[in-house]
Amino acid sequence: MVHGVNDANVVGSVFTVFIELVENKQPDKIEEYVKSVYPGEYVCVLGADQLRVDWVYPGTQFLITDYDGSESIQYKDGDYWSVA
């Protein structure tokens, strides 16, 4: 959610721009853009040069896990799921 914005079209366009910056490997522009979206807020973009976009097919069940600042995607059809 973009701070203070509930309009899905605005939020979608914000993420579209962000994704383009990440995919085009423009970490300097990411900082500028995030600061423009969150004016007056403290913005930390350490690691922006390491960001990547992983596309997931619609309907895919997944879980984003975080360990000490390192995120990863686990898919429900992967090895980490148990069935009773």
PDB file of N, CA and C in Angstrom:
ATOM      1  N   MET A   1       0.850  -1.179   0.000  1.00  0.00           N
ATOM      2  CA  MET A   1       0.000   0.000   0.000  1.00  0.00           C
ATOM      3  C   MET A   1       0.887   1.232   0.000  1.00  0.00           C
ATOM      4  N   VAL A   2       0.564   2.167  -0.839  1.00  0.00           N
ATOM      5  CA  VAL A   2       1.280   3.434  -0.872  1.00  0.00           C
ATOM      6  C   VAL A   2       0.721   4.299   0.239  1.00  0.00           C
ATOM      7  N   HIS A   3       1.591   4.904   1.000  1.00  0.00           N
ATOM      8  CA  HIS A   3       1.237   5.700   2.170  1.00  0.00           C
ATOM      9  C   HIS A   3       0.106   6.674   1.869  1.00  0.00           C
ATOM     10  N   GLY A   4      -1.036   6.488   2.524  1.00  0.00           N
ATOM     11  CA  GLY A   4      -2.149   7.411   2.412  1.00  0.00           C
ATOM     12  C   GLY A   4      -2.926   7.338   1.120  1.00  0.00           C
ATOM     13  N   VAL A   5      -2.689   6.344   0.283  1.00  0.00           N
ATOM     14  CA  VAL A   5      -3.387   6.250  -1.001  1.00  0.00           C
ATOM     15  C   VAL A   5      -4.200   4.964  -1.031  1.00  0.00           C
ATOM     16  N   ASN A   6      -5.489   5.102  -1.322  1.00  0.00           N
ATOM     17  CA  ASN A   6      -6.360   3.933  -1.394  1.00  0.00           C
ATOM     18  C   ASN A   6      -6.826   3.639  -2.814  1.00  0.00           C
ATOM     19  N   ASP A   7      -6.439   4.446  -3.773  1.00  0.00           N
ATOM     20  CA  ASP A   7      -6.843   4.274  -5.161  1.00  0.00           C
ATOM     21  C   ASP A   7      -5.989   3.189  -5.814  1.00  0.00           C
ATOM     22  N   ALA A   8      -6.612   2.104  -6.234  1.00  0.00           N
ATOM     23  CA  ALA A   8      -5.878   0.968  -6.811  1.00  0.00           C
ATOM     24  C   ALA A   8      -5.126   1.363  -8.081  1.00  0.00           C
ATOM     25  N   ASN A   9      -5.675   2.289  -8.872  1.00  0.00           N
ATOM     26  CA  ASN A   9      -4.989   2.718 -10.093  1.00  0.00           C
ATOM     27  C   ASN A   9      -3.695   3.459  -9.773  1.00  0.00           C
ATOM     28  N   VAL A  10      -3.730   4.316  -8.751  1.00  0.00           N
ATOM     29  CA  VAL A  10      -2.533   5.060  -8.354  1.00  0.00           C
ATOM     30  C   VAL A  10      -1.500   4.095  -7.790  1.00  0.00           C
ATOM     31  N   VAL A  11      -1.938   3.206  -6.914  1.00  0.00           N
ATOM     32  CA  VAL A  11      -1.021   2.222  -6.330  1.00  0.00           C
ATOM     33  C   VAL A  11      -0.413   1.359  -7.423  1.00  0.00           C
ATOM     34  N   GLY A  12      -1.220   0.914  -8.364  1.00  0.00           N
ATOM     35  CA  GLY A  12      -0.725   0.096  -9.461  1.00  0.00           C
ATOM     36  C   GLY A  12       0.314   0.821 -10.292  1.00  0.00           C
ATOM     37  N   SER A  13       0.088   2.110 -10.569  1.00  0.00           N
ATOM     38  CA  SER A  13       1.058   2.863 -11.364  1.00  0.00           C
ATOM     39  C   SER A  13       2.348   3.084 -10.595  1.00  0.00           C
ATOM     40  N   VAL A  14       2.274   3.256  -9.275  1.00  0.00           N
ATOM     41  CA  VAL A  14       3.473   3.404  -8.450  1.00  0.00           C
ATOM     42  C   VAL A  14       4.300   2.140  -8.533  1.00  0.00           C
ATOM     43  N   PHE A  15       3.667   0.988  -8.393  1.00  0.00           N
ATOM     44  CA  PHE A  15       4.408  -0.266  -8.462  1.00  0.00           C
ATOM     45  C   PHE A  15       4.927  -0.549  -9.864  1.00  0.00           C
ATOM     46  N   THR A  16       4.193  -0.136 -10.898  1.00  0.00           N
ATOM     47  CA  THR A  16       4.657  -0.317 -12.269  1.00  0.00           C
ATOM     48  C   THR A  16       5.967   0.432 -12.490  1.00  0.00           C
ATOM     49  N   VAL A  17       6.036   1.669 -12.037  1.00  0.00           N
ATOM     50  CA  VAL A  17       7.266   2.459 -12.178  1.00  0.00           C
ATOM     51  C   VAL A  17       8.389   1.814 -11.380  1.00  0.00           C
ATOM     52  N   PHE A  18       8.098   1.407 -10.150  1.00  0.00           N
ATOM     53  CA  PHE A  18       9.119   0.792  -9.299  1.00  0.00           C
ATOM     54  C   PHE A  18       9.671  -0.483  -9.945  1.00  0.00           C
ATOM     55  N   ILE A  19       8.795  -1.314 -10.455  1.00  0.00           N
ATOM     56  CA  ILE A  19       9.217  -2.562 -11.110  1.00  0.00           C
ATOM     57  C   ILE A  19      10.106  -2.253 -12.317  1.00  0.00           C
ATOM     58  N   GLU A  20       9.736  -1.253 -13.109  1.00  0.00           N
ATOM     59  CA  GLU A  20      10.565  -0.883 -14.260  1.00  0.00           C
ATOM     60  C   GLU A  20      11.962  -0.446 -13.821  1.00  0.00           C
ATOM     61  N   LEU A  21      12.043   0.320 -12.743  1.00  0.00           N
ATOM     62  CA  LEU A  21      13.351   0.767 -12.243  1.00  0.00           C
ATOM     63  C   LEU A  21      14.189  -0.414 -11.769  1.00  0.00           C
ATOM     64  N   VAL A  22      13.546  -1.362 -11.095  1.00  0.00           N
ATOM     65  CA  VAL A  22      14.267  -2.542 -10.610  1.00  0.00           C
ATOM     66  C   VAL A  22      14.744  -3.383 -11.789  1.00  0.00           C
ATOM     67  N   GLU A  23      13.850  -3.668 -12.724  1.00  0.00           N
ATOM     68  CA  GLU A  23      14.218  -4.520 -13.854  1.00  0.00           C
ATOM     69  C   GLU A  23      15.263  -3.873 -14.761  1.00  0.00           C
ATOM     70  N   ASN A  24      15.291  -2.543 -14.811  1.00  0.00           N
ATOM     71  CA  ASN A  24      16.279  -1.843 -15.629  1.00  0.00           C
ATOM     72  C   ASN A  24      17.542  -1.497 -14.847  1.00  0.00           C
ATOM     73  N   LYS A  25      17.650  -2.043 -13.629  1.00  0.00           N
ATOM     74  CA  LYS A  25      18.849  -1.873 -12.792  1.00  0.00           C
ATOM     75  C   LYS A  25      19.238  -0.403 -12.644  1.00  0.00           C
ATOM     76  N   GLN A  26      18.314   0.391 -12.079  1.00  0.00           N
ATOM     77  CA  GLN A  26      18.540   1.808 -11.856  1.00  0.00           C
ATOM     78  C   GLN A  26      18.405   2.156 -10.373  1.00  0.00           C
ATOM     79  N   PRO A  27      19.337   1.679  -9.516  1.00  0.00           N
ATOM     80  CA  PRO A  27      19.199   1.896  -8.075  1.00  0.00           C
ATOM     81  C   PRO A  27      19.209   3.364  -7.664  1.00  0.00           C
ATOM     82  N   ASP A  28      19.933   4.224  -8.364  1.00  0.00           N
ATOM     83  CA  ASP A  28      19.939   5.649  -8.014  1.00  0.00           C
ATOM     84  C   ASP A  28      18.561   6.280  -8.233  1.00  0.00           C
ATOM     85  N   LYS A  29      17.908   5.883  -9.302  1.00  0.00           N
ATOM     86  CA  LYS A  29      16.577   6.411  -9.580  1.00  0.00           C
ATOM     87  C   LYS A  29      15.536   5.829  -8.624  1.00  0.00           C
ATOM     88  N   ILE A  30      15.781   4.621  -8.112  1.00  0.00           N
ATOM     89  CA  ILE A  30      14.865   4.019  -7.137  1.00  0.00           C
ATOM     90  C   ILE A  30      14.787   4.904  -5.900  1.00  0.00           C
ATOM     91  N   GLU A  31      15.940   5.361  -5.403  1.00  0.00           N
ATOM     92  CA  GLU A  31      15.949   6.230  -4.220  1.00  0.00           C
ATOM     93  C   GLU A  31      15.161   7.508  -4.481  1.00  0.00           C
ATOM     94  N   GLU A  32      15.411   8.150  -5.617  1.00  0.00           N
ATOM     95  CA  GLU A  32      14.689   9.378  -5.969  1.00  0.00           C
ATOM     96  C   GLU A  32      13.182   9.121  -6.032  1.00  0.00           C
ATOM     97  N   TYR A  33      12.814   8.019  -6.659  1.00  0.00           N
ATOM     98  CA  TYR A  33      11.393   7.712  -6.842  1.00  0.00           C
ATOM     99  C   TYR A  33      10.706   7.421  -5.511  1.00  0.00           C
ATOM    100  N   VAL A  34      11.333   6.620  -4.668  1.00  0.00           N
ATOM    101  CA  VAL A  34      10.734   6.286  -3.371  1.00  0.00           C
ATOM    102  C   VAL A  34      10.574   7.549  -2.526  1.00  0.00           C
ATOM    103  N   LYS A  35      11.568   8.427  -2.556  1.00  0.00           N
ATOM    104  CA  LYS A  35      11.459   9.685  -1.811  1.00  0.00           C
ATOM    105  C   LYS A  35      10.326  10.556  -2.346  1.00  0.00           C
ATOM    106  N   SER A  36      10.063  10.493  -3.650  1.00  0.00           N
ATOM    107  CA  SER A  36       8.957  11.282  -4.212  1.00  0.00           C
ATOM    108  C   SER A  36       7.601  10.697  -3.828  1.00  0.00           C
ATOM    109  N   VAL A  37       7.535   9.377  -3.635  1.00  0.00           N
ATOM    110  CA  VAL A  37       6.283   8.726  -3.248  1.00  0.00           C
ATOM    111  C   VAL A  37       6.000   8.933  -1.760  1.00  0.00           C
ATOM    112  N   TYR A  38       7.056   8.987  -0.947  1.00  0.00           N
ATOM    113  CA  TYR A  38       6.939   9.170   0.499  1.00  0.00           C
ATOM    114  C   TYR A  38       7.639  10.464   0.914  1.00  0.00           C
ATOM    115  N   PRO A  39       7.127  11.623   0.489  1.00  0.00           N
ATOM    116  CA  PRO A  39       7.802  12.885   0.818  1.00  0.00           C
ATOM    117  C   PRO A  39       7.817  13.137   2.327  1.00  0.00           C
ATOM    118  N   GLY A  40       8.956  13.600   2.814  1.00  0.00           N
ATOM    119  CA  GLY A  40       9.088  13.912   4.231  1.00  0.00           C
ATOM    120  C   GLY A  40       9.335  12.723   5.125  1.00  0.00           C
ATOM    121  N   GLU A  41       9.338  11.519   4.570  1.00  0.00           N
ATOM    122  CA  GLU A  41       9.560  10.301   5.349  1.00  0.00           C
ATOM    123  C   GLU A  41      11.023   9.892   5.241  1.00  0.00           C
ATOM    124  N   TYR A  42      11.506   9.215   6.283  1.00  0.00           N
ATOM    125  CA  TYR A  42      12.851   8.653   6.200  1.00  0.00           C
ATOM    126  C   TYR A  42      12.810   7.489   5.223  1.00  0.00           C
ATOM    127  N   VAL A  43      13.693   7.501   4.256  1.00  0.00           N
ATOM    128  CA  VAL A  43      13.735   6.457   3.233  1.00  0.00           C
ATOM    129  C   VAL A  43      15.114   5.816   3.235  1.00  0.00           C
ATOM    130  N   CYS A  44      15.162   4.516   3.421  1.00  0.00           N
ATOM    131  CA  CYS A  44      16.415   3.775   3.360  1.00  0.00           C
ATOM    132  C   CYS A  44      16.338   2.816   2.181  1.00  0.00           C
ATOM    133  N   VAL A  45      17.241   2.972   1.253  1.00  0.00           N
ATOM    134  CA  VAL A  45      17.233   2.119   0.070  1.00  0.00           C
ATOM    135  C   VAL A  45      18.538   1.333  -0.044  1.00  0.00           C
ATOM    136  N   LEU A  46      19.133   1.024   1.099  1.00  0.00           N
ATOM    137  CA  LEU A  46      20.325   0.183   1.071  1.00  0.00           C
ATOM    138  C   LEU A  46      19.957  -1.144   0.416  1.00  0.00           C
ATOM    139  N   GLY A  47      20.760  -1.610  -0.473  1.00  0.00           N
ATOM    140  CA  GLY A  47      20.485  -2.865  -1.163  1.00  0.00           C
ATOM    141  C   GLY A  47      19.616  -2.721  -2.389  1.00  0.00           C
ATOM    142  N   ALA A  48      19.284  -1.494  -2.776  1.00  0.00           N
ATOM    143  CA  ALA A  48      18.444  -1.304  -3.967  1.00  0.00           C
ATOM    144  C   ALA A  48      19.089  -1.901  -5.205  1.00  0.00           C
ATOM    145  N   ASP A  49      20.413  -1.931  -5.223  1.00  0.00           N
ATOM    146  CA  ASP A  49      21.118  -2.501  -6.377  1.00  0.00           C
ATOM    147  C   ASP A  49      21.008  -4.023  -6.425  1.00  0.00           C
ATOM    148  N   GLN A  50      20.486  -4.624  -5.357  1.00  0.00           N
ATOM    149  CA  GLN A  50      20.334  -6.081  -5.308  1.00  0.00           C
ATOM    150  C   GLN A  50      18.882  -6.532  -5.486  1.00  0.00           C
ATOM    151  N   LEU A  51      17.973  -5.588  -5.659  1.00  0.00           N
ATOM    152  CA  LEU A  51      16.568  -5.943  -5.833  1.00  0.00           C
ATOM    153  C   LEU A  51      16.351  -6.670  -7.146  1.00  0.00           C
ATOM    154  N   ARG A  52      15.348  -7.547  -7.145  1.00  0.00           N
ATOM    155  CA  ARG A  52      14.951  -8.205  -8.382  1.00  0.00           C
ATOM    156  C   ARG A  52      13.456  -8.497  -8.306  1.00  0.00           C
ATOM    157  N   VAL A  53      12.862  -8.648  -9.439  1.00  0.00           N
ATOM    158  CA  VAL A  53      11.440  -8.970  -9.530  1.00  0.00           C
ATOM    159  C   VAL A  53      11.332 -10.425  -9.949  1.00  0.00           C
ATOM    160  N   ASP A  54      10.587 -11.196  -9.186  1.00  0.00           N
ATOM    161  CA  ASP A  54      10.282 -12.581  -9.550  1.00  0.00           C
ATOM    162  C   ASP A  54       8.799 -12.636  -9.906  1.00  0.00           C
ATOM    163  N   TRP A  55       8.507 -13.005 -11.128  1.00  0.00           N
ATOM    164  CA  TRP A  55       7.122 -13.073 -11.579  1.00  0.00           C
ATOM    165  C   TRP A  55       6.544 -14.428 -11.212  1.00  0.00           C
ATOM    166  N   VAL A  56       5.317 -14.420 -10.727  1.00  0.00           N
ATOM    167  CA  VAL A  56       4.619 -15.624 -10.299  1.00  0.00           C
ATOM    168  C   VAL A  56       3.345 -15.741 -11.135  1.00  0.00           C
ATOM    169  N   TYR A  57       3.095 -16.931 -11.648  1.00  0.00           N
ATOM    170  CA  TYR A  57       1.884 -17.144 -12.441  1.00  0.00           C
ATOM    171  C   TYR A  57       0.643 -16.921 -11.587  1.00  0.00           C
ATOM    172  N   PRO A  58      -0.406 -16.298 -12.159  1.00  0.00           N
ATOM    173  CA  PRO A  58      -1.650 -16.108 -11.417  1.00  0.00           C
ATOM    174  C   PRO A  58      -2.171 -17.446 -10.894  1.00  0.00           C
ATOM    175  N   GLY A  59      -2.624 -17.445  -9.663  1.00  0.00           N
ATOM    176  CA  GLY A  59      -3.149 -18.651  -9.034  1.00  0.00           C
ATOM    177  C   GLY A  59      -2.105 -19.472  -8.301  1.00  0.00           C
ATOM    178  N   THR A  60      -0.827 -19.133  -8.470  1.00  0.00           N
ATOM    179  CA  THR A  60       0.243 -19.855  -7.784  1.00  0.00           C
ATOM    180  C   THR A  60       0.218 -19.509  -6.298  1.00  0.00           C
ATOM    181  N   GLN A  61       0.266 -20.530  -5.460  1.00  0.00           N
ATOM    182  CA  GLN A  61       0.320 -20.292  -4.020  1.00  0.00           C
ATOM    183  C   GLN A  61       1.778 -20.223  -3.606  1.00  0.00           C
ATOM    184  N   PHE A  62       2.113 -19.153  -2.875  1.00  0.00           N
ATOM    185  CA  PHE A  62       3.499 -18.961  -2.475  1.00  0.00           C
ATOM    186  C   PHE A  62       3.566 -18.237  -1.141  1.00  0.00           C
ATOM    187  N   LEU A  63       4.726 -18.271  -0.564  1.00  0.00           N
ATOM    188  CA  LEU A  63       4.987 -17.634   0.719  1.00  0.00           C
ATOM    189  C   LEU A  63       6.328 -16.920   0.606  1.00  0.00           C
ATOM    190  N   ILE A  64       6.383 -15.660   1.009  1.00  0.00           N
ATOM    191  CA  ILE A  64       7.652 -14.938   1.024  1.00  0.00           C
ATOM    192  C   ILE A  64       8.213 -15.049   2.433  1.00  0.00           C
ATOM    193  N   THR A  65       9.403 -15.617   2.549  1.00  0.00           N
ATOM    194  CA  THR A  65      10.042 -15.778   3.848  1.00  0.00           C
ATOM    195  C   THR A  65      11.196 -14.793   3.969  1.00  0.00           C
ATOM    196  N   ASP A  66      11.490 -14.418   5.187  1.00  0.00           N
ATOM    197  CA  ASP A  66      12.561 -13.467   5.445  1.00  0.00           C
ATOM    198  C   ASP A  66      13.431 -14.000   6.564  1.00  0.00           C
ATOM    199  N   TYR A  67      14.717 -14.067   6.303  1.00  0.00           N
ATOM    200  CA  TYR A  67      15.664 -14.449   7.341  1.00  0.00           C
ATOM    201  C   TYR A  67      16.800 -13.434   7.338  1.00  0.00           C
ATOM    202  N   ASP A  68      16.851 -12.636   8.374  1.00  0.00           N
ATOM    203  CA  ASP A  68      17.930 -11.681   8.558  1.00  0.00           C
ATOM    204  C   ASP A  68      18.092 -10.759   7.343  1.00  0.00           C
ATOM    205  N   GLY A  69      16.960 -10.308   6.793  1.00  0.00           N
ATOM    206  CA  GLY A  69      16.992  -9.375   5.679  1.00  0.00           C
ATOM    207  C   GLY A  69      17.102 -10.010   4.308  1.00  0.00           C
ATOM    208  N   SER A  70      17.114 -11.326   4.248  1.00  0.00           N
ATOM    209  CA  SER A  70      17.202 -12.018   2.967  1.00  0.00           C
ATOM    210  C   SER A  70      15.868 -12.696   2.697  1.00  0.00           C
ATOM    211  N   GLU A  71      15.155 -12.199   1.703  1.00  0.00           N
ATOM    212  CA  GLU A  71      13.847 -12.754   1.379  1.00  0.00           C
ATOM    213  C   GLU A  71      13.973 -13.842   0.322  1.00  0.00           C
ATOM    214  N   SER A  72      13.061 -14.786   0.399  1.00  0.00           N
ATOM    215  CA  SER A  72      12.993 -15.821  -0.620  1.00  0.00           C
ATOM    216  C   SER A  72      11.537 -16.225  -0.812  1.00  0.00           C
ATOM    217  N   ILE A  73      11.270 -16.885  -1.931  1.00  0.00           N
ATOM    218  CA  ILE A  73       9.911 -17.334  -2.234  1.00  0.00           C
ATOM    219  C   ILE A  73       9.854 -18.843  -2.082  1.00  0.00           C
ATOM    220  N   GLN A  74       8.854 -19.291  -1.359  1.00  0.00           N
ATOM    221  CA  GLN A  74       8.584 -20.728  -1.261  1.00  0.00           C
ATOM    222  C   GLN A  74       7.239 -20.969  -1.935  1.00  0.00           C
ATOM    223  N   TYR A  75       7.221 -21.926  -2.828  1.00  0.00           N
ATOM    224  CA  TYR A  75       5.990 -22.266  -3.533  1.00  0.00           C
ATOM    225  C   TYR A  75       5.315 -23.431  -2.847  1.00  0.00           C
ATOM    226  N   LYS A  76       3.983 -23.422  -2.830  1.00  0.00           N
ATOM    227  CA  LYS A  76       3.248 -24.461  -2.119  1.00  0.00           C
ATOM    228  C   LYS A  76       3.543 -25.841  -2.677  1.00  0.00           C
ATOM    229  N   ASP A  77       3.854 -25.955  -3.942  1.00  0.00           N
ATOM    230  CA  ASP A  77       4.153 -27.267  -4.506  1.00  0.00           C
ATOM    231  C   ASP A  77       5.622 -27.648  -4.303  1.00  0.00           C
ATOM    232  N   GLY A  78       6.341 -26.877  -3.510  1.00  0.00           N
ATOM    233  CA  GLY A  78       7.755 -27.155  -3.240  1.00  0.00           C
ATOM    234  C   GLY A  78       7.954 -28.174  -2.131  1.00  0.00           C
ATOM    235  N   ASP A  79       9.170 -28.337  -1.731  1.00  0.00           N
ATOM    236  CA  ASP A  79       9.553 -29.368  -0.758  1.00  0.00           C
ATOM    237  C   ASP A  79       9.187 -29.033   0.684  1.00  0.00           C
ATOM    238  N   TYR A  80       8.830 -27.793   0.976  1.00  0.00           N
ATOM    239  CA  TYR A  80       8.660 -27.370   2.362  1.00  0.00           C
ATOM    240  C   TYR A  80       7.254 -27.516   2.894  1.00  0.00           C
ATOM    241  N   TRP A  81       6.358 -28.081   2.135  1.00  0.00           N
ATOM    242  CA  TRP A  81       4.969 -28.181   2.561  1.00  0.00           C
ATOM    243  C   TRP A  81       4.650 -29.623   2.957  1.00  0.00           C
ATOM    244  N   SER A  82       3.927 -29.742   4.029  1.00  0.00           N
ATOM    245  CA  SER A  82       3.522 -31.075   4.513  1.00  0.00           C
ATOM    246  C   SER A  82       2.034 -31.258   4.269  1.00  0.00           C
ATOM    247  N   VAL A  83       1.647 -32.501   4.049  1.00  0.00           N
ATOM    248  CA  VAL A  83       0.242 -32.844   3.883  1.00  0.00           C
ATOM    249  C   VAL A  83      -0.087 -33.910   4.894  1.00  0.00           C
ATOM    250  N   ALA A  84      -1.168 -33.699   5.666  1.00  0.00           N
ATOM    251  CA  ALA A  84      -1.566 -34.699   6.693  1.00  0.00           C
ATOM    252  C   ALA A  84      -2.430 -35.767   6.086  1.00  0.00           C
TER     253      ALA A  84
END
